[in-house]
Amino acid sequence: MSEKSKAPDDAEEMEMGVVQTMPRPGDELSLVARMATDPNVDVDKLERLIAMHERALDRRAKEAYAAAYVAMQGELPHIDKRGHVRYNSSKAGTVDYRHTKLEDIQSAVRPVLRKHGFALRFEQDFSERGQVKVKAILSHEAGHSESTTFVGPSDPSGSKNDIQALGSGQKYAMRYATVAILAIEERGADDDGRGGKQEPEGEKPEGYDGWLADMDSLADAGGTEALMAAWNQSTKENRLWLTKNSPDTWGDIKAKAARLA
């Protein structure tokens, strides 16, 4: 790469003559400290040097995070869906599905996170409309953090009171946010150890993926009544492929819609 094609930050660093070869973090800090106590140092150059030092630290932190995340991914276990929900709904009929349990996820991933210098924490918020918002923040010891947010309704299913519904919705959101930020692979508990990767039956109908995304969005926004109305108007091919090959997905969608009831 020629000097003309270097990024602006690199060009600025070369102009200042202090990063021809990148110093160690301690060396950079020592240089800043020496310049800060020198009355003859140009203040503008000092400020640029401090900003350059901070950018270098950020780059190193992101690189360390990325390397540790890749290493961690290779050690995260599959999580079996040991949770089982089954109840009758006047609108959706029988709701029956399996899911991973938050405590199973946390006990399985905590040692791996600790080994690779990660910590996972949550920020939570509850709206007056009963919405639960959970932000999962994954921080690395080098200083870089990334986050993902899950927003969903409270869970009044099973005759829960208002407090119980919020707590259940909170746990649901924490589970989904954790699975998302760690890219955890879930698998059914009844797949005889095959890792949940059974071959689907038949060929997926044309337009199926878009239809499924629409059904999932409708469950979030319209609740059970709107979901079942759309289900009854859907093609037989789409409905059969979903119920035969992804019954857990359909169970999750119905359960999500039922929470808006």
C-alpha atoms as a PDB file:
ATOM      1  CA  MET A   1       0.000   0.000   0.000  1.00  0.00           C
ATOM      2  CA  SER A   2       1.384   3.427  -0.967  1.00  0.00           C
ATOM      3  CA  GLU A   3       1.501   6.357   1.465  1.00  0.00           C
ATOM      4  CA  LYS A   4      -1.136   8.155  -0.604  1.00  0.00           C
ATOM      5  CA  SER A   5      -3.607   5.307  -0.156  1.00  0.00           C
ATOM      6  CA  LYS A   6      -3.293   5.130   3.628  1.00  0.00           C
ATOM      7  CA  ALA A   7      -6.301   5.960   5.816  1.00  0.00           C
ATOM      8  CA  PRO A   8      -6.482   9.534   7.210  1.00  0.00           C
ATOM      9  CA  ASP A   9      -5.606   8.394  10.722  1.00  0.00           C
ATOM     10  CA  ASP A  10      -2.487   6.590   9.470  1.00  0.00           C
ATOM     11  CA  ALA A  11      -1.437   9.609   7.406  1.00  0.00           C
ATOM     12  CA  GLU A  12      -1.824  11.859  10.429  1.00  0.00           C
ATOM     13  CA  GLU A  13       0.247   9.500  12.544  1.00  0.00           C
ATOM     14  CA  MET A  14       3.046   9.429   9.945  1.00  0.00           C
ATOM     15  CA  GLU A  15       2.981  13.223   9.678  1.00  0.00           C
ATOM     16  CA  MET A  16       3.496  13.534  13.425  1.00  0.00           C
ATOM     17  CA  GLY A  17       6.411  11.130  13.235  1.00  0.00           C
ATOM     18  CA  VAL A  18       5.448   9.170  16.326  1.00  0.00           C
ATOM     19  CA  VAL A  19       3.937   5.982  14.881  1.00  0.00           C
ATOM     20  CA  GLN A  20       6.258   4.869  12.136  1.00  0.00           C
ATOM     21  CA  THR A  21       6.182   1.587  14.023  1.00  0.00           C
ATOM     22  CA  MET A  22       3.310   1.182  16.474  1.00  0.00           C
ATOM     23  CA  PRO A  23       4.603   1.517  20.057  1.00  0.00           C
ATOM     24  CA  ARG A  24       3.400  -0.656  22.848  1.00  0.00           C
ATOM     25  CA  PRO A  25       0.465   0.795  24.853  1.00  0.00           C
ATOM     26  CA  GLY A  26       2.781   1.714  27.750  1.00  0.00           C
ATOM     27  CA  ASP A  27       5.200   3.487  25.412  1.00  0.00           C
ATOM     28  CA  GLU A  28       2.398   5.576  23.920  1.00  0.00           C
ATOM     29  CA  LEU A  29       1.201   6.617  27.352  1.00  0.00           C
ATOM     30  CA  SER A  30       4.735   7.543  28.424  1.00  0.00           C
ATOM     31  CA  LEU A  31       5.154   9.654  25.311  1.00  0.00           C
ATOM     32  CA  VAL A  32       1.874  11.484  26.007  1.00  0.00           C
ATOM     33  CA  ALA A  33       2.923  12.080  29.622  1.00  0.00           C
ATOM     34  CA  ARG A  34       6.295  13.509  28.583  1.00  0.00           C
ATOM     35  CA  MET A  35       4.752  15.790  25.988  1.00  0.00           C
ATOM     36  CA  ALA A  36       2.100  16.992  28.460  1.00  0.00           C
ATOM     37  CA  THR A  37       4.815  18.241  30.855  1.00  0.00           C
ATOM     38  CA  ASP A  38       6.908  19.901  28.132  1.00  0.00           C
ATOM     39  CA  PRO A  39       6.019  23.624  27.870  1.00  0.00           C
ATOM     40  CA  ASN A  40       7.408  23.771  24.325  1.00  0.00           C
ATOM     41  CA  VAL A  41       5.048  21.119  22.928  1.00  0.00           C
ATOM     42  CA  ASP A  42       2.382  22.272  20.493  1.00  0.00           C
ATOM     43  CA  VAL A  43      -1.028  21.811  22.209  1.00  0.00           C
ATOM     44  CA  ASP A  44      -2.757  20.912  18.945  1.00  0.00           C
ATOM     45  CA  LYS A  45      -0.249  18.139  18.269  1.00  0.00           C
ATOM     46  CA  LEU A  46      -0.622  16.887  21.828  1.00  0.00           C
ATOM     47  CA  GLU A  47      -4.396  16.671  21.474  1.00  0.00           C
ATOM     48  CA  ARG A  48      -4.012  14.819  18.181  1.00  0.00           C
ATOM     49  CA  LEU A  49      -1.543  12.437  19.791  1.00  0.00           C
ATOM     50  CA  ILE A  50      -3.960  11.706  22.640  1.00  0.00           C
ATOM     51  CA  ALA A  51      -6.781  11.055  20.153  1.00  0.00           C
ATOM     52  CA  MET A  52      -4.473   8.803  18.127  1.00  0.00           C
ATOM     53  CA  HIS A  53      -3.549   6.896  21.297  1.00  0.00           C
ATOM     54  CA  GLU A  54      -7.231   6.371  22.135  1.00  0.00           C
ATOM     55  CA  ARG A  55      -7.961   5.117  18.611  1.00  0.00           C
ATOM     56  CA  ALA A  56      -5.086   2.646  18.867  1.00  0.00           C
ATOM     57  CA  LEU A  57      -6.418   1.348  22.182  1.00  0.00           C
ATOM     58  CA  ASP A  58      -9.893   0.956  20.663  1.00  0.00           C
ATOM     59  CA  ARG A  59      -8.497  -0.983  17.703  1.00  0.00           C
ATOM     60  CA  ARG A  60      -6.557  -3.305  19.965  1.00  0.00           C
ATOM     61  CA  ALA A  61      -9.594  -3.872  22.180  1.00  0.00           C
ATOM     62  CA  LYS A  62     -11.796  -4.723  19.178  1.00  0.00           C
ATOM     63  CA  GLU A  63      -9.171  -7.070  17.773  1.00  0.00           C
ATOM     64  CA  ALA A  64      -8.817  -8.811  21.143  1.00  0.00           C
ATOM     65  CA  TYR A  65     -12.611  -9.107  21.429  1.00  0.00           C
ATOM     66  CA  ALA A  66     -12.933 -10.594  17.942  1.00  0.00           C
ATOM     67  CA  ALA A  67     -10.148 -13.127  18.478  1.00  0.00           C
ATOM     68  CA  ALA A  68     -11.540 -14.204  21.852  1.00  0.00           C
ATOM     69  CA  TYR A  69     -15.090 -14.440  20.454  1.00  0.00           C
ATOM     70  CA  VAL A  70     -13.973 -16.774  17.681  1.00  0.00           C
ATOM     71  CA  ALA A  71     -12.101 -18.966  20.173  1.00  0.00           C
ATOM     72  CA  MET A  72     -15.098 -18.960  22.524  1.00  0.00           C
ATOM     73  CA  GLN A  73     -17.500 -19.980  19.760  1.00  0.00           C
ATOM     74  CA  GLY A  74     -15.615 -23.210  19.225  1.00  0.00           C
ATOM     75  CA  GLU A  75     -16.181 -24.185  22.858  1.00  0.00           C
ATOM     76  CA  LEU A  76     -19.798 -23.172  23.438  1.00  0.00           C
ATOM     77  CA  PRO A  77     -21.947 -26.299  23.833  1.00  0.00           C
ATOM     78  CA  HIS A  78     -25.262 -27.022  22.166  1.00  0.00           C
ATOM     79  CA  ILE A  79     -28.128 -26.363  24.548  1.00  0.00           C
ATOM     80  CA  ASP A  80     -30.915 -28.929  24.711  1.00  0.00           C
ATOM     81  CA  LYS A  81     -34.516 -27.722  24.803  1.00  0.00           C
ATOM     82  CA  ARG A  82     -35.453 -29.140  28.209  1.00  0.00           C
ATOM     83  CA  GLY A  83     -38.215 -26.637  28.911  1.00  0.00           C
ATOM     84  CA  HIS A  84     -41.723 -27.737  27.943  1.00  0.00           C
ATOM     85  CA  VAL A  85     -44.777 -25.484  27.719  1.00  0.00           C
ATOM     86  CA  ARG A  86     -48.261 -26.839  27.128  1.00  0.00           C
ATOM     87  CA  TYR A  87     -51.564 -25.100  27.751  1.00  0.00           C
ATOM     88  CA  ASN A  88     -54.944 -24.603  26.091  1.00  0.00           C
ATOM     89  CA  SER A  89     -55.940 -21.270  24.619  1.00  0.00           C
ATOM     90  CA  SER A  90     -59.465 -20.391  23.594  1.00  0.00           C
ATOM     91  CA  LYS A  91     -58.104 -18.638  20.510  1.00  0.00           C
ATOM     92  CA  ALA A  92     -55.064 -20.706  19.500  1.00  0.00           C
ATOM     93  CA  GLY A  93     -56.126 -24.125  20.726  1.00  0.00           C
ATOM     94  CA  THR A  94     -53.435 -26.228  22.331  1.00  0.00           C
ATOM     95  CA  VAL A  95     -50.088 -24.412  22.621  1.00  0.00           C
ATOM     96  CA  ASP A  96     -47.324 -27.007  22.946  1.00  0.00           C
ATOM     97  CA  TYR A  97     -43.625 -26.351  22.408  1.00  0.00           C
ATOM     98  CA  ARG A  98     -40.158 -26.958  23.820  1.00  0.00           C
ATOM     99  CA  HIS A  99     -37.561 -24.308  24.625  1.00  0.00           C
ATOM    100  CA  THR A 100     -34.151 -23.890  26.167  1.00  0.00           C
ATOM    101  CA  LYS A 101     -34.180 -22.846  29.818  1.00  0.00           C
ATOM    102  CA  LEU A 102     -32.322 -19.694  30.835  1.00  0.00           C
ATOM    103  CA  GLU A 103     -30.647 -21.442  33.760  1.00  0.00           C
ATOM    104  CA  ASP A 104     -29.375 -24.200  31.431  1.00  0.00           C
ATOM    105  CA  ILE A 105     -27.867 -21.608  29.083  1.00  0.00           C
ATOM    106  CA  GLN A 106     -26.227 -19.639  31.882  1.00  0.00           C
ATOM    107  CA  SER A 107     -24.703 -22.652  33.636  1.00  0.00           C
ATOM    108  CA  ALA A 108     -23.378 -23.998  30.327  1.00  0.00           C
ATOM    109  CA  VAL A 109     -21.812 -20.792  28.984  1.00  0.00           C
ATOM    110  CA  ARG A 110     -20.523 -19.113  32.156  1.00  0.00           C
ATOM    111  CA  PRO A 111     -17.285 -21.180  32.426  1.00  0.00           C
ATOM    112  CA  VAL A 112     -16.529 -20.657  28.725  1.00  0.00           C
ATOM    113  CA  LEU A 113     -17.111 -16.905  28.959  1.00  0.00           C
ATOM    114  CA  ARG A 114     -14.860 -16.653  32.003  1.00  0.00           C
ATOM    115  CA  LYS A 115     -12.097 -18.676  30.315  1.00  0.00           C
ATOM    116  CA  HIS A 116     -11.972 -16.275  27.351  1.00  0.00           C
ATOM    117  CA  GLY A 117     -12.243 -13.046  29.354  1.00  0.00           C
ATOM    118  CA  PHE A 118     -15.915 -12.278  28.731  1.00  0.00           C
ATOM    119  CA  ALA A 119     -18.679 -11.126  31.052  1.00  0.00           C
ATOM    120  CA  LEU A 120     -22.380 -10.967  30.175  1.00  0.00           C
ATOM    121  CA  ARG A 121     -24.764  -8.545  31.857  1.00  0.00           C
ATOM    122  CA  PHE A 122     -28.252  -7.190  31.212  1.00  0.00           C
ATOM    123  CA  GLU A 123     -30.043  -3.850  31.283  1.00  0.00           C
ATOM    124  CA  GLN A 124     -33.824  -4.024  31.569  1.00  0.00           C
ATOM    125  CA  ASP A 125     -36.764  -1.702  31.151  1.00  0.00           C
ATOM    126  CA  PHE A 126     -40.541  -2.092  31.412  1.00  0.00           C
ATOM    127  CA  SER A 127     -43.034   0.112  29.603  1.00  0.00           C
ATOM    128  CA  GLU A 128     -46.476   1.145  30.810  1.00  0.00           C
ATOM    129  CA  ARG A 129     -47.969  -0.998  28.032  1.00  0.00           C
ATOM    130  CA  GLY A 130     -46.461  -4.142  29.528  1.00  0.00           C
ATOM    131  CA  GLN A 131     -43.546  -4.361  27.112  1.00  0.00           C
ATOM    132  CA  VAL A 132     -40.309  -5.866  28.383  1.00  0.00           C
ATOM    133  CA  LYS A 133     -36.993  -4.601  26.984  1.00  0.00           C
ATOM    134  CA  VAL A 134     -33.779  -6.470  27.737  1.00  0.00           C
ATOM    135  CA  LYS A 135     -30.345  -5.421  26.498  1.00  0.00           C
ATOM    136  CA  ALA A 136     -27.629  -8.093  26.676  1.00  0.00           C
ATOM    137  CA  ILE A 137     -24.117  -6.607  26.899  1.00  0.00           C
ATOM    138  CA  LEU A 138     -21.092  -8.828  26.243  1.00  0.00           C
ATOM    139  CA  SER A 139     -17.888  -7.218  27.548  1.00  0.00           C
ATOM    140  CA  HIS A 140     -14.303  -8.393  27.068  1.00  0.00           C
ATOM    141  CA  GLU A 141     -11.461  -7.828  29.498  1.00  0.00           C
ATOM    142  CA  ALA A 142      -9.564  -5.822  26.849  1.00  0.00           C
ATOM    143  CA  GLY A 143     -12.237  -3.126  27.075  1.00  0.00           C
ATOM    144  CA  HIS A 144     -14.526  -3.664  24.067  1.00  0.00           C
ATOM    145  CA  SER A 145     -18.258  -4.432  24.458  1.00  0.00           C
ATOM    146  CA  GLU A 146     -21.082  -5.325  22.081  1.00  0.00           C
ATOM    147  CA  SER A 147     -24.795  -5.630  22.733  1.00  0.00           C
ATOM    148  CA  THR A 148     -28.126  -6.802  21.385  1.00  0.00           C
ATOM    149  CA  THR A 149     -31.648  -5.898  22.497  1.00  0.00           C
ATOM    150  CA  PHE A 150     -34.820  -7.967  22.644  1.00  0.00           C
ATOM    151  CA  VAL A 151     -38.223  -6.344  23.117  1.00  0.00           C
ATOM    152  CA  GLY A 152     -41.357  -8.363  23.776  1.00  0.00           C
ATOM    153  CA  PRO A 153     -44.639  -8.393  25.678  1.00  0.00           C
ATOM    154  CA  SER A 154     -45.169  -9.660  29.203  1.00  0.00           C
ATOM    155  CA  ASP A 155     -46.364 -13.265  29.518  1.00  0.00           C
ATOM    156  CA  PRO A 156     -49.834 -13.570  31.118  1.00  0.00           C
ATOM    157  CA  SER A 157     -50.336 -17.187  29.978  1.00  0.00           C
ATOM    158  CA  GLY A 158     -51.338 -19.735  32.581  1.00  0.00           C
ATOM    159  CA  SER A 159     -53.389 -17.250  34.658  1.00  0.00           C
ATOM    160  CA  LYS A 160     -50.348 -15.286  35.877  1.00  0.00           C
ATOM    161  CA  ASN A 161     -50.860 -12.059  37.802  1.00  0.00           C
ATOM    162  CA  ASP A 162     -49.334  -8.826  36.480  1.00  0.00           C
ATOM    163  CA  ILE A 163     -46.044  -9.157  38.376  1.00  0.00           C
ATOM    164  CA  GLN A 164     -45.621 -12.784  37.366  1.00  0.00           C
ATOM    165  CA  ALA A 165     -46.399 -11.893  33.746  1.00  0.00           C
ATOM    166  CA  LEU A 166     -43.659  -9.243  33.728  1.00  0.00           C
ATOM    167  CA  GLY A 167     -41.171 -11.622  35.346  1.00  0.00           C
ATOM    168  CA  SER A 168     -41.933 -14.358  32.830  1.00  0.00           C
ATOM    169  CA  GLY A 169     -41.626 -11.918  29.924  1.00  0.00           C
ATOM    170  CA  GLN A 170     -38.338 -10.662  31.340  1.00  0.00           C
ATOM    171  CA  LYS A 171     -36.922 -14.179  31.542  1.00  0.00           C
ATOM    172  CA  TYR A 172     -38.129 -14.901  28.015  1.00  0.00           C
ATOM    173  CA  ALA A 173     -36.379 -11.766  26.723  1.00  0.00           C
ATOM    174  CA  MET A 174     -33.159 -12.546  28.610  1.00  0.00           C
ATOM    175  CA  ARG A 175     -33.086 -16.012  27.068  1.00  0.00           C
ATOM    176  CA  TYR A 176     -33.546 -14.762  23.526  1.00  0.00           C
ATOM    177  CA  ALA A 177     -31.020 -11.938  23.949  1.00  0.00           C
ATOM    178  CA  THR A 178     -28.431 -14.376  25.340  1.00  0.00           C
ATOM    179  CA  VAL A 179     -28.937 -16.838  22.501  1.00  0.00           C
ATOM    180  CA  ALA A 180     -28.621 -14.019  19.971  1.00  0.00           C
ATOM    181  CA  ILE A 181     -25.451 -12.331  21.253  1.00  0.00           C
ATOM    182  CA  LEU A 182     -23.601 -15.625  21.806  1.00  0.00           C
ATOM    183  CA  ALA A 183     -24.977 -17.287  18.636  1.00  0.00           C
ATOM    184  CA  ILE A 184     -25.917 -20.348  20.685  1.00  0.00           C
ATOM    185  CA  GLU A 185     -27.214 -23.374  18.821  1.00  0.00           C
ATOM    186  CA  GLU A 186     -30.319 -24.869  20.380  1.00  0.00           C
ATOM    187  CA  ARG A 187     -31.513 -28.391  19.730  1.00  0.00           C
ATOM    188  CA  GLY A 188     -34.596 -30.431  20.548  1.00  0.00           C
ATOM    189  CA  ALA A 189     -34.430 -32.666  23.587  1.00  0.00           C
ATOM    190  CA  ASP A 190     -36.013 -35.581  21.743  1.00  0.00           C
ATOM    191  CA  ASP A 191     -33.719 -35.867  18.712  1.00  0.00           C
ATOM    192  CA  ASP A 192     -31.772 -38.902  20.024  1.00  0.00           C
ATOM    193  CA  GLY A 193     -28.508 -36.978  20.079  1.00  0.00           C
ATOM    194  CA  ARG A 194     -28.574 -36.041  16.403  1.00  0.00           C
ATOM    195  CA  GLY A 195     -28.026 -32.380  17.237  1.00  0.00           C
ATOM    196  CA  GLY A 196     -31.364 -31.157  15.913  1.00  0.00           C
ATOM    197  CA  LYS A 197     -30.236 -31.370  12.277  1.00  0.00           C
ATOM    198  CA  GLN A 198     -32.713 -33.842  10.841  1.00  0.00           C
ATOM    199  CA  GLU A 199     -33.403 -33.606   7.134  1.00  0.00           C
ATOM    200  CA  PRO A 200     -36.677 -31.803   6.336  1.00  0.00           C
ATOM    201  CA  GLU A 201     -39.494 -33.746   4.761  1.00  0.00           C
ATOM    202  CA  GLY A 202     -40.249 -32.726   1.186  1.00  0.00           C
ATOM    203  CA  GLU A 203     -39.235 -29.613  -0.689  1.00  0.00           C
ATOM    204  CA  LYS A 204     -39.790 -26.230   0.921  1.00  0.00           C
ATOM    205  CA  PRO A 205     -42.681 -24.422  -0.815  1.00  0.00           C
ATOM    206  CA  GLU A 206     -41.869 -21.382  -2.907  1.00  0.00           C
ATOM    207  CA  GLY A 207     -42.147 -18.193  -0.866  1.00  0.00           C
ATOM    208  CA  TYR A 208     -42.144 -20.117   2.421  1.00  0.00           C
ATOM    209  CA  ASP A 209     -39.423 -18.066   4.149  1.00  0.00           C
ATOM    210  CA  GLY A 210     -41.178 -14.768   3.461  1.00  0.00           C
ATOM    211  CA  TRP A 211     -44.497 -16.207   4.630  1.00  0.00           C
ATOM    212  CA  LEU A 212     -42.938 -17.477   7.861  1.00  0.00           C
ATOM    213  CA  ALA A 213     -41.334 -14.080   8.547  1.00  0.00           C
ATOM    214  CA  ASP A 214     -44.733 -12.430   8.020  1.00  0.00           C
ATOM    215  CA  MET A 215     -46.398 -14.864  10.431  1.00  0.00           C
ATOM    216  CA  ASP A 216     -43.739 -14.189  13.056  1.00  0.00           C
ATOM    217  CA  SER A 217     -44.151 -10.414  12.686  1.00  0.00           C
ATOM    218  CA  LEU A 218     -47.930 -10.769  12.885  1.00  0.00           C
ATOM    219  CA  ALA A 219     -47.608 -12.690  16.154  1.00  0.00           C
ATOM    220  CA  ASP A 220     -45.610  -9.772  17.584  1.00  0.00           C
ATOM    221  CA  ALA A 221     -48.013  -7.089  16.425  1.00  0.00           C
ATOM    222  CA  GLY A 222     -51.471  -8.619  16.119  1.00  0.00           C
ATOM    223  CA  GLY A 223     -51.775 -11.372  18.692  1.00  0.00           C
ATOM    224  CA  THR A 224     -53.501 -14.725  18.425  1.00  0.00           C
ATOM    225  CA  GLU A 225     -56.669 -13.647  16.628  1.00  0.00           C
ATOM    226  CA  ALA A 226     -54.771 -11.982  13.769  1.00  0.00           C
ATOM    227  CA  LEU A 227     -52.266 -14.844  13.618  1.00  0.00           C
ATOM    228  CA  MET A 228     -54.914 -17.570  13.325  1.00  0.00           C
ATOM    229  CA  ALA A 229     -56.840 -15.570  10.724  1.00  0.00           C
ATOM    230  CA  ALA A 230     -53.686 -15.372   8.619  1.00  0.00           C
ATOM    231  CA  TRP A 231     -52.981 -19.064   9.262  1.00  0.00           C
ATOM    232  CA  ASN A 232     -56.401 -20.085   7.974  1.00  0.00           C
ATOM    233  CA  GLN A 233     -55.819 -18.059   4.806  1.00  0.00           C
ATOM    234  CA  SER A 234     -52.346 -19.508   4.214  1.00  0.00           C
ATOM    235  CA  THR A 235     -51.611 -22.186   1.652  1.00  0.00           C
ATOM    236  CA  LYS A 236     -51.889 -25.810   2.704  1.00  0.00           C
ATOM    237  CA  GLU A 237     -48.306 -26.404   1.511  1.00  0.00           C
ATOM    238  CA  ASN A 238     -46.828 -23.771   3.811  1.00  0.00           C
ATOM    239  CA  ARG A 239     -48.818 -24.955   6.819  1.00  0.00           C
ATOM    240  CA  LEU A 240     -47.912 -28.612   6.310  1.00  0.00           C
ATOM    241  CA  TRP A 241     -44.217 -27.902   5.787  1.00  0.00           C
ATOM    242  CA  LEU A 242     -44.043 -25.817   8.969  1.00  0.00           C
ATOM    243  CA  THR A 243     -45.920 -28.250  11.216  1.00  0.00           C
ATOM    244  CA  LYS A 244     -44.014 -31.280   9.937  1.00  0.00           C
ATOM    245  CA  ASN A 245     -40.509 -29.840   9.813  1.00  0.00           C
ATOM    246  CA  SER A 246     -40.497 -27.006  12.371  1.00  0.00           C
ATOM    247  CA  PRO A 247     -43.150 -27.686  15.018  1.00  0.00           C
ATOM    248  CA  ASP A 248     -41.079 -25.897  17.669  1.00  0.00           C
ATOM    249  CA  THR A 249     -40.976 -22.771  15.504  1.00  0.00           C
ATOM    250  CA  TRP A 250     -44.740 -22.816  15.104  1.00  0.00           C
ATOM    251  CA  GLY A 251     -45.124 -23.359  18.839  1.00  0.00           C
ATOM    252  CA  ASP A 252     -42.888 -20.370  19.556  1.00  0.00           C
ATOM    253  CA  ILE A 253     -44.883 -18.169  17.178  1.00  0.00           C
ATOM    254  CA  LYS A 254     -48.211 -19.157  18.757  1.00  0.00           C
ATOM    255  CA  ALA A 255     -46.851 -18.632  22.249  1.00  0.00           C
ATOM    256  CA  LYS A 256     -45.576 -15.176  21.258  1.00  0.00           C
ATOM    257  CA  ALA A 257     -49.017 -14.244  19.899  1.00  0.00           C
ATOM    258  CA  ALA A 258     -50.749 -15.566  23.014  1.00  0.00           C
ATOM    259  CA  ARG A 259     -48.803 -13.132  25.182  1.00  0.00           C
ATOM    260  CA  LEU A 260     -50.665 -10.243  23.585  1.00  0.00           C
ATOM    261  CA  ALA A 261     -54.032 -11.679  24.640  1.00  0.00           C
END
